[in-house]
Protein backbone atom coordinates (compact mmCIF):
# COMPACT_ATOMS: atom_id res chain seq x y z
CA MET A 1 74.63 126.85 110.56
CA ASN A 2 73.55 123.83 108.31
CA ALA A 3 76.58 121.31 107.17
CA ARG A 4 77.24 121.72 103.63
CA THR A 5 76.14 118.84 101.66
CA LEU A 6 79.14 116.63 99.97
CA THR A 7 79.34 116.71 96.35
CA PRO A 8 80.54 114.06 94.07
CA LEU A 9 83.61 116.40 93.22
CA ASP A 10 84.46 116.37 97.21
CA HIS A 11 83.78 112.27 97.60
CA LEU A 12 86.45 112.17 95.01
CA LEU A 13 88.67 114.41 96.17
CA ALA A 14 88.25 112.68 99.98
CA GLY A 15 89.09 109.53 98.41
CA PHE A 16 92.03 110.98 96.66
CA GLU A 17 93.70 112.03 100.24
CA ARG A 18 92.67 108.73 101.60
CA ALA A 19 94.76 107.02 98.48
CA LEU A 20 97.32 109.19 99.53
CA GLU A 21 97.01 108.22 102.93
CA THR A 22 96.96 104.46 101.99
CA VAL A 23 99.94 103.72 99.97
CA SER A 24 102.23 106.35 102.24
CA GLY A 25 101.67 103.98 105.13
CA ALA A 26 99.67 107.06 107.21
CA PRO A 27 96.59 105.27 108.27
CA GLU A 28 96.38 104.41 111.90
CA ALA A 29 94.16 101.59 113.56
CA VAL A 30 91.81 102.35 116.09
CA ARG A 31 91.82 99.09 117.48
CA PRO A 32 95.09 97.70 119.11
CA SER A 33 96.73 95.03 117.38
CA PRO A 34 96.04 91.67 117.96
CA ALA A 35 99.95 91.31 119.09
CA ALA A 36 100.42 93.87 121.40
CA ALA A 37 100.18 92.02 124.55
CA LEU A 38 102.44 88.71 122.28
CA ASP A 39 106.10 88.79 123.26
CA GLU A 40 108.20 89.17 120.04
CA VAL A 41 110.32 85.47 119.40
CA ASP A 42 113.28 84.96 117.55
CA LEU A 43 113.16 84.16 114.00
CA ASP A 44 116.25 83.05 111.47
CA GLU A 45 116.93 85.45 108.41
CA THR A 46 115.61 82.81 106.51
CA GLU A 47 111.95 82.94 108.76
CA ARG A 48 112.12 86.63 109.15
CA ARG A 49 112.35 87.18 105.39
CA HIS A 50 109.24 84.30 104.79
CA VAL A 51 107.30 85.94 107.10
CA ALA A 52 107.83 89.74 106.22
CA GLY A 53 106.88 88.34 102.57
CA LEU A 54 103.60 87.03 103.88
CA MET A 55 103.08 89.85 105.92
CA ARG A 56 103.43 92.38 102.66
CA ILE A 57 101.23 89.93 100.38
CA ASN A 58 98.68 90.93 103.49
CA HIS A 59 99.43 94.79 103.91
CA THR A 60 99.36 95.04 100.02
CA GLY A 61 95.79 92.70 100.33
CA GLU A 62 95.09 95.45 102.16
CA VAL A 63 95.25 98.32 100.03
CA CYS A 64 93.45 96.67 97.99
CA ALA A 65 90.93 96.38 99.95
CA GLN A 66 91.16 100.17 100.76
CA ALA A 67 90.89 101.22 97.38
CA LEU A 68 87.96 98.57 96.26
CA TYR A 69 86.03 99.83 99.46
CA ASP A 70 86.54 103.77 98.59
CA GLY A 71 85.90 102.81 94.44
CA GLN A 72 82.85 100.96 95.49
CA SER A 73 81.47 103.99 97.97
CA LEU A 74 81.87 106.80 95.67
CA LEU A 75 79.36 105.01 93.04
CA ALA A 76 76.97 103.27 95.59
CA ARG A 77 73.32 104.36 95.13
CA ASP A 78 72.16 103.50 98.33
CA GLU A 79 72.89 105.71 101.27
CA ALA A 80 72.44 102.54 103.84
CA THR A 81 75.48 100.51 101.34
CA ARG A 82 77.69 103.63 101.35
CA ALA A 83 77.67 104.01 105.13
CA TYR A 84 78.32 99.71 105.40
CA LEU A 85 81.41 100.17 102.66
CA ARG A 86 82.59 102.75 104.73
CA HIS A 87 82.65 101.05 107.97
CA SER A 88 84.20 98.13 106.02
CA ALA A 89 86.73 100.05 105.26
CA ALA A 90 86.99 101.52 108.37
CA GLU A 91 88.16 98.03 110.17
CA GLU A 92 90.27 97.21 107.13
CA THR A 93 92.27 100.36 108.15
CA ASP A 94 93.21 98.42 110.66
CA HIS A 95 94.28 95.63 109.02
CA LEU A 96 96.77 97.69 107.57
CA ALA A 97 98.28 99.19 109.93
CA TRP A 98 98.53 96.20 111.97
CA CYS A 99 100.41 94.53 108.72
CA ALA A 100 102.48 97.90 108.54
CA GLU A 101 103.26 97.89 111.95
CA ARG A 102 104.44 94.05 111.71
CA LEU A 103 106.00 94.48 108.85
CA LYS A 104 108.61 97.29 110.84
CA GLU A 105 108.97 94.69 113.20
CA LEU A 106 110.52 92.58 111.02
CA ASP A 107 112.77 95.10 109.47
CA SER A 108 110.59 95.40 106.31
CA ARG A 109 108.67 97.37 103.92
CA PRO A 110 105.55 97.26 101.80
CA SER A 111 105.23 96.32 98.78
CA LEU A 112 106.82 98.97 96.09
CA LEU A 113 103.90 98.14 93.88
CA ASN A 114 101.27 99.53 96.21
CA PRO A 115 100.06 102.60 94.13
CA LEU A 116 99.66 100.41 91.00
CA TRP A 117 97.63 98.09 92.85
CA TYR A 118 95.61 100.99 94.89
CA ALA A 119 94.82 102.18 91.11
CA GLY A 120 93.27 99.09 89.60
CA SER A 121 90.99 98.03 92.67
CA TYR A 122 89.62 101.50 92.61
CA ALA A 123 88.81 101.31 89.09
CA ILE A 124 87.24 97.55 89.80
CA GLY A 125 85.50 98.88 92.43
CA ALA A 126 84.12 101.86 90.79
CA LEU A 127 82.88 99.42 87.80
CA ALA A 128 81.27 97.70 90.16
CA ALA A 129 79.33 100.38 91.63
CA ALA A 130 78.37 101.66 88.49
CA ILE A 131 76.69 98.36 87.10
CA SER A 132 74.57 98.44 90.61
CA ASP A 133 74.89 98.02 94.04
CA ALA A 134 73.74 94.17 94.50
CA VAL A 135 77.10 93.40 91.81
CA SER A 136 78.96 95.78 93.93
CA LEU A 137 78.34 93.76 97.27
CA GLY A 138 79.35 90.61 95.43
CA PHE A 139 82.23 91.84 94.78
CA VAL A 140 82.60 92.23 98.39
CA VAL A 141 81.25 88.72 99.19
CA GLU A 142 83.98 87.03 96.74
CA THR A 143 86.62 89.38 97.48
CA GLU A 144 86.32 88.51 101.33
CA ARG A 145 85.98 85.01 100.79
CA GLN A 146 89.21 84.91 98.70
CA VAL A 147 90.75 86.62 101.42
CA GLU A 148 89.73 84.52 103.75
CA ALA A 149 91.08 81.14 102.05
CA HIS A 150 94.79 82.71 101.55
CA LEU A 151 94.72 84.29 105.22
CA GLY A 152 94.12 80.58 106.39
CA GLU A 153 97.00 79.15 103.90
CA HIS A 154 99.10 82.16 105.59
CA LEU A 155 98.29 80.94 109.05
CA GLU A 156 99.65 77.61 107.73
CA ARG A 157 102.86 78.89 106.72
CA LEU A 158 103.95 80.91 109.49
CA PRO A 159 106.69 79.59 111.67
CA ALA A 160 105.25 77.23 114.71
CA GLN A 161 106.40 80.07 116.88
CA ASP A 162 105.46 83.94 115.68
CA GLU A 163 102.36 84.02 117.55
CA ARG A 164 102.59 88.07 116.93
CA SER A 165 101.88 87.22 113.19
CA LYS A 166 99.50 84.41 113.65
CA ALA A 167 97.04 86.75 116.03
CA ILE A 168 97.02 89.28 113.39
CA LEU A 169 95.73 87.23 110.79
CA GLU A 170 93.43 85.44 112.84
CA GLN A 171 91.59 88.59 113.68
CA MET A 172 91.77 89.80 110.37
CA LYS A 173 90.23 86.47 108.78
CA THR A 174 87.39 86.87 111.57
CA ASP A 175 87.11 90.34 110.28
CA GLU A 176 87.16 89.28 106.06
CA ALA A 177 84.27 86.68 106.84
CA GLY A 178 82.02 89.19 108.69
CA HIS A 179 82.40 91.40 106.09
CA ALA A 180 81.48 88.53 103.38
CA LEU A 181 78.67 87.89 105.70
CA ALA A 182 77.23 91.29 105.77
CA ALA A 183 77.42 92.24 102.02
CA ARG A 184 75.44 88.72 101.17
CA GLN A 185 73.05 90.15 104.19
CA ARG A 186 72.80 93.46 101.70
CA GLY A 187 71.52 91.86 98.98
CA GLY A 188 75.20 91.06 97.25
CA ILE A 189 74.83 88.49 94.39
CA ASP A 190 77.01 85.69 93.02
CA LEU A 191 79.28 86.79 90.65
CA PRO A 192 79.20 85.08 87.02
CA PHE A 193 81.77 82.73 85.51
CA PRO A 194 84.62 83.99 84.80
CA ILE A 195 84.82 87.02 87.00
CA PRO A 196 85.54 84.79 90.39
CA GLY A 197 88.36 82.64 88.15
CA LEU A 198 89.66 86.00 86.79
CA MET A 199 89.72 87.63 90.09
CA ARG A 200 91.90 84.45 91.54
CA LEU A 201 94.04 84.79 88.69
CA GLY A 202 94.72 88.84 89.95
CA SER A 203 95.33 87.79 93.30
CA MET A 204 97.90 85.41 92.64
CA VAL A 205 99.67 87.87 90.55
CA MET A 206 99.80 90.34 93.23
CA LYS A 207 100.64 87.28 96.00
CA THR A 208 103.79 86.49 93.66
CA ALA A 209 104.78 90.28 93.41
CA ALA A 210 104.53 91.45 96.74
CA TYR A 211 106.00 88.81 98.28
CA ARG A 212 109.52 89.76 96.82
CA VAL A 213 108.87 93.28 95.68
């Protein structure tokens, strides 16, 4: 029996299912957590809350990444581009699961605003893909570049003894750099002014809110 060709409605419904899984905390990692072999350390209450805030930001960032990739893959024109976006989204699912697991270890929770961030990021991804695959891939390049920068900042802000969180963020940073490079090689363009600045502004709002809420 021939496999049925998926229609745009099929892709939309599948995307809706992934959205529910993402914001509900259901995704599971394929790769083991980079923190799996590292011992937990004692953090005082102030340190624990601070680390939880940073990991909540990173978890929300991965929710946004899932939404962005889902929106982009829905309207991607080239099948190879769609396959690349889905592969990158799978790695981002690992990040999402790792951050969720770390939040539980810290007796904390994801951001309550994740459904809002997902919806906004999905719309941006779909809009970029509707313009062209080159613009869509350009959004990947700029997004991953900014995420890599803020992960570097978070690594510096972690308590020195928190090797578990550090290992997770270092692997995420490596993966994000790889995504940006692959998107550039596939034809991602530099986004025109003022889009990168607006993206940084939106990221600042998200990080400020997610750290607390």
